[in-house]
Amino acid sequence: MAVARVSEITASSTQGFQAAFQEGIDRATATLRNITGAEIISQKAKIESGKISEYRVQMKITFILE
C-alpha cells in the first residue's frame, strides 16, 4: 500500500508558462523523491510597462512517501 503527499508550489519564468512549469518540476525533483504527477492550479503574469515581464504557475506536486 502506498501513501502519497501533495505539495503546492509556485514557479516563475521570463520565457513563458511552459518554462515556469518546467522550472517548478526541476526544482521539486531536486528535493523530493518519487514524484508521480503535477497539476497546474493557476497561471498568472506580472505586467510592467504594459508588457508581460514574468510568467507564474501555481501547481500541486504529488509524490509517494517512503
N, C-alpha and C. Protein backbone atom coordinates (compact mmCIF):
# COMPACT_ATOMS: atom_id res chain seq x y z
N MET A 1 0.84 -1.18 0.00
CA MET A 1 0.00 0.00 0.00
C MET A 1 0.89 1.24 0.00
N ALA A 2 0.55 2.21 -0.80
CA ALA A 2 1.33 3.44 -0.91
C ALA A 2 0.55 4.61 -0.32
N VAL A 3 1.30 5.54 0.23
CA VAL A 3 0.72 6.77 0.75
C VAL A 3 1.37 7.93 0.00
N ALA A 4 0.55 8.82 -0.53
CA ALA A 4 1.05 9.95 -1.31
C ALA A 4 0.84 11.25 -0.53
N ARG A 5 1.67 12.20 -0.86
CA ARG A 5 1.54 13.54 -0.29
C ARG A 5 1.47 14.53 -1.45
N VAL A 6 0.78 15.63 -1.25
CA VAL A 6 0.67 16.67 -2.27
C VAL A 6 1.23 17.96 -1.68
N SER A 7 2.17 18.57 -2.41
CA SER A 7 2.73 19.86 -2.01
C SER A 7 2.38 20.89 -3.07
N GLU A 8 2.07 22.08 -2.64
CA GLU A 8 1.72 23.16 -3.56
C GLU A 8 2.91 24.10 -3.67
N ILE A 9 3.32 24.40 -4.90
CA ILE A 9 4.46 25.29 -5.14
C ILE A 9 4.11 26.31 -6.22
N THR A 10 4.88 27.38 -6.25
CA THR A 10 4.76 28.40 -7.29
C THR A 10 6.12 28.56 -7.95
N ALA A 11 6.13 28.63 -9.27
CA ALA A 11 7.37 28.81 -10.02
C ALA A 11 7.17 29.92 -11.04
N SER A 12 8.28 30.53 -11.47
CA SER A 12 8.18 31.62 -12.44
C SER A 12 9.27 31.53 -13.49
N SER A 13 9.03 32.22 -14.60
CA SER A 13 9.99 32.28 -15.70
C SER A 13 9.69 33.52 -16.53
N THR A 14 10.70 34.04 -17.17
CA THR A 14 10.51 35.15 -18.10
C THR A 14 10.23 34.64 -19.51
N GLN A 15 10.32 33.33 -19.71
CA GLN A 15 10.18 32.73 -21.04
C GLN A 15 8.76 32.31 -21.41
N GLY A 16 7.94 31.99 -20.42
CA GLY A 16 6.57 31.56 -20.73
C GLY A 16 6.05 30.61 -19.67
N PHE A 17 4.75 30.25 -19.78
CA PHE A 17 4.13 29.37 -18.80
C PHE A 17 4.74 27.98 -18.81
N GLN A 18 5.03 27.44 -19.99
CA GLN A 18 5.65 26.11 -20.09
C GLN A 18 7.00 26.10 -19.38
N ALA A 19 7.78 27.14 -19.56
CA ALA A 19 9.10 27.23 -18.91
C ALA A 19 8.95 27.36 -17.40
N ALA A 20 7.94 28.08 -16.94
CA ALA A 20 7.69 28.20 -15.50
C ALA A 20 7.29 26.85 -14.91
N PHE A 21 6.44 26.13 -15.62
CA PHE A 21 6.02 24.80 -15.18
C PHE A 21 7.23 23.87 -15.08
N GLN A 22 8.08 23.88 -16.09
CA GLN A 22 9.27 23.03 -16.09
C GLN A 22 10.23 23.44 -14.97
N GLU A 23 10.35 24.73 -14.71
CA GLU A 23 11.19 25.22 -13.61
C GLU A 23 10.71 24.67 -12.28
N GLY A 24 9.40 24.65 -12.08
CA GLY A 24 8.83 24.10 -10.86
C GLY A 24 9.09 22.61 -10.72
N ILE A 25 8.94 21.87 -11.81
CA ILE A 25 9.22 20.43 -11.80
C ILE A 25 10.69 20.18 -11.51
N ASP A 26 11.57 20.92 -12.17
CA ASP A 26 13.01 20.75 -11.95
C ASP A 26 13.39 21.00 -10.51
N ARG A 27 12.83 22.04 -9.93
CA ARG A 27 13.15 22.37 -8.52
C ARG A 27 12.60 21.31 -7.57
N ALA A 28 11.38 20.85 -7.84
CA ALA A 28 10.76 19.84 -6.98
C ALA A 28 11.56 18.53 -7.01
N THR A 29 12.02 18.12 -8.18
CA THR A 29 12.77 16.87 -8.28
C THR A 29 14.14 16.95 -7.62
N ALA A 30 14.62 18.16 -7.36
CA ALA A 30 15.90 18.32 -6.67
C ALA A 30 15.79 17.97 -5.18
N THR A 31 14.59 18.08 -4.61
CA THR A 31 14.44 17.83 -3.17
C THR A 31 13.42 16.75 -2.82
N LEU A 32 12.54 16.41 -3.74
CA LEU A 32 11.52 15.40 -3.47
C LEU A 32 11.80 14.14 -4.29
N ARG A 33 11.57 12.99 -3.66
CA ARG A 33 11.72 11.72 -4.37
C ARG A 33 10.33 11.15 -4.70
N ASN A 34 10.30 10.29 -5.68
CA ASN A 34 9.09 9.55 -6.04
C ASN A 34 7.93 10.44 -6.51
N ILE A 35 8.25 11.49 -7.27
CA ILE A 35 7.20 12.34 -7.83
C ILE A 35 6.44 11.55 -8.89
N THR A 36 5.11 11.57 -8.78
CA THR A 36 4.29 10.80 -9.72
C THR A 36 3.38 11.67 -10.57
N GLY A 37 3.23 12.96 -10.22
CA GLY A 37 2.35 13.80 -11.02
C GLY A 37 2.41 15.26 -10.62
N ALA A 38 1.85 16.08 -11.50
CA ALA A 38 1.78 17.52 -11.25
C ALA A 38 0.50 18.05 -11.88
N GLU A 39 -0.09 19.05 -11.22
CA GLU A 39 -1.31 19.67 -11.71
C GLU A 39 -1.16 21.18 -11.63
N ILE A 40 -1.42 21.86 -12.73
CA ILE A 40 -1.39 23.32 -12.72
C ILE A 40 -2.71 23.82 -12.14
N ILE A 41 -2.60 24.64 -11.11
CA ILE A 41 -3.78 25.19 -10.45
C ILE A 41 -4.13 26.55 -11.07
N SER A 42 -3.12 27.37 -11.30
CA SER A 42 -3.38 28.68 -11.89
C SER A 42 -2.16 29.19 -12.65
N GLN A 43 -2.41 30.07 -13.58
CA GLN A 43 -1.37 30.74 -14.34
C GLN A 43 -1.61 32.24 -14.21
N LYS A 44 -0.55 32.97 -13.89
CA LYS A 44 -0.65 34.42 -13.75
C LYS A 44 0.55 35.06 -14.43
N ALA A 45 0.42 36.32 -14.76
CA ALA A 45 1.52 37.05 -15.39
C ALA A 45 1.76 38.36 -14.66
N LYS A 46 3.01 38.72 -14.51
CA LYS A 46 3.38 40.01 -13.94
C LYS A 46 3.54 40.98 -15.10
N ILE A 47 2.92 42.13 -14.99
CA ILE A 47 2.94 43.13 -16.06
C ILE A 47 3.75 44.35 -15.61
N GLU A 48 4.65 44.77 -16.46
CA GLU A 48 5.42 46.00 -16.23
C GLU A 48 5.44 46.81 -17.52
N SER A 49 5.08 48.06 -17.43
CA SER A 49 5.03 48.96 -18.58
C SER A 49 4.19 48.39 -19.73
N GLY A 50 3.09 47.74 -19.38
CA GLY A 50 2.18 47.22 -20.39
C GLY A 50 2.62 45.93 -21.06
N LYS A 51 3.72 45.31 -20.59
CA LYS A 51 4.21 44.07 -21.19
C LYS A 51 4.40 43.01 -20.10
N ILE A 52 4.28 41.76 -20.50
CA ILE A 52 4.49 40.66 -19.56
C ILE A 52 5.98 40.57 -19.25
N SER A 53 6.30 40.66 -17.96
CA SER A 53 7.70 40.57 -17.54
C SER A 53 8.02 39.24 -16.87
N GLU A 54 6.98 38.55 -16.40
CA GLU A 54 7.21 37.26 -15.73
C GLU A 54 5.94 36.42 -15.78
N TYR A 55 6.11 35.13 -16.05
CA TYR A 55 5.02 34.17 -16.08
C TYR A 55 5.09 33.35 -14.80
N ARG A 56 3.95 33.18 -14.13
CA ARG A 56 3.93 32.45 -12.86
C ARG A 56 2.91 31.31 -12.93
N VAL A 57 3.32 30.18 -12.40
CA VAL A 57 2.47 29.00 -12.39
C VAL A 57 2.38 28.47 -10.96
N GLN A 58 1.16 28.27 -10.49
CA GLN A 58 0.95 27.64 -9.19
C GLN A 58 0.55 26.19 -9.49
N MET A 59 1.20 25.24 -8.80
CA MET A 59 0.95 23.83 -9.11
C MET A 59 0.96 22.97 -7.86
N LYS A 60 0.37 21.80 -8.00
CA LYS A 60 0.42 20.78 -6.96
C LYS A 60 1.31 19.64 -7.46
N ILE A 61 2.22 19.21 -6.62
CA ILE A 61 3.13 18.12 -6.94
C ILE A 61 2.75 16.93 -6.06
N THR A 62 2.54 15.77 -6.64
CA THR A 62 2.20 14.55 -5.90
C THR A 62 3.41 13.63 -5.87
N PHE A 63 3.73 13.13 -4.67
CA PHE A 63 4.84 12.18 -4.55
C PHE A 63 4.50 11.11 -3.52
N ILE A 64 5.07 9.93 -3.70
CA ILE A 64 4.83 8.79 -2.83
C ILE A 64 5.81 8.84 -1.66
N LEU A 65 5.28 8.69 -0.44
CA LEU A 65 6.13 8.67 0.75
C LEU A 65 6.80 7.31 0.88
N GLU A 66 8.04 7.34 1.36
CA GLU A 66 8.78 6.08 1.55
C GLU A 66 8.44 5.48 2.89
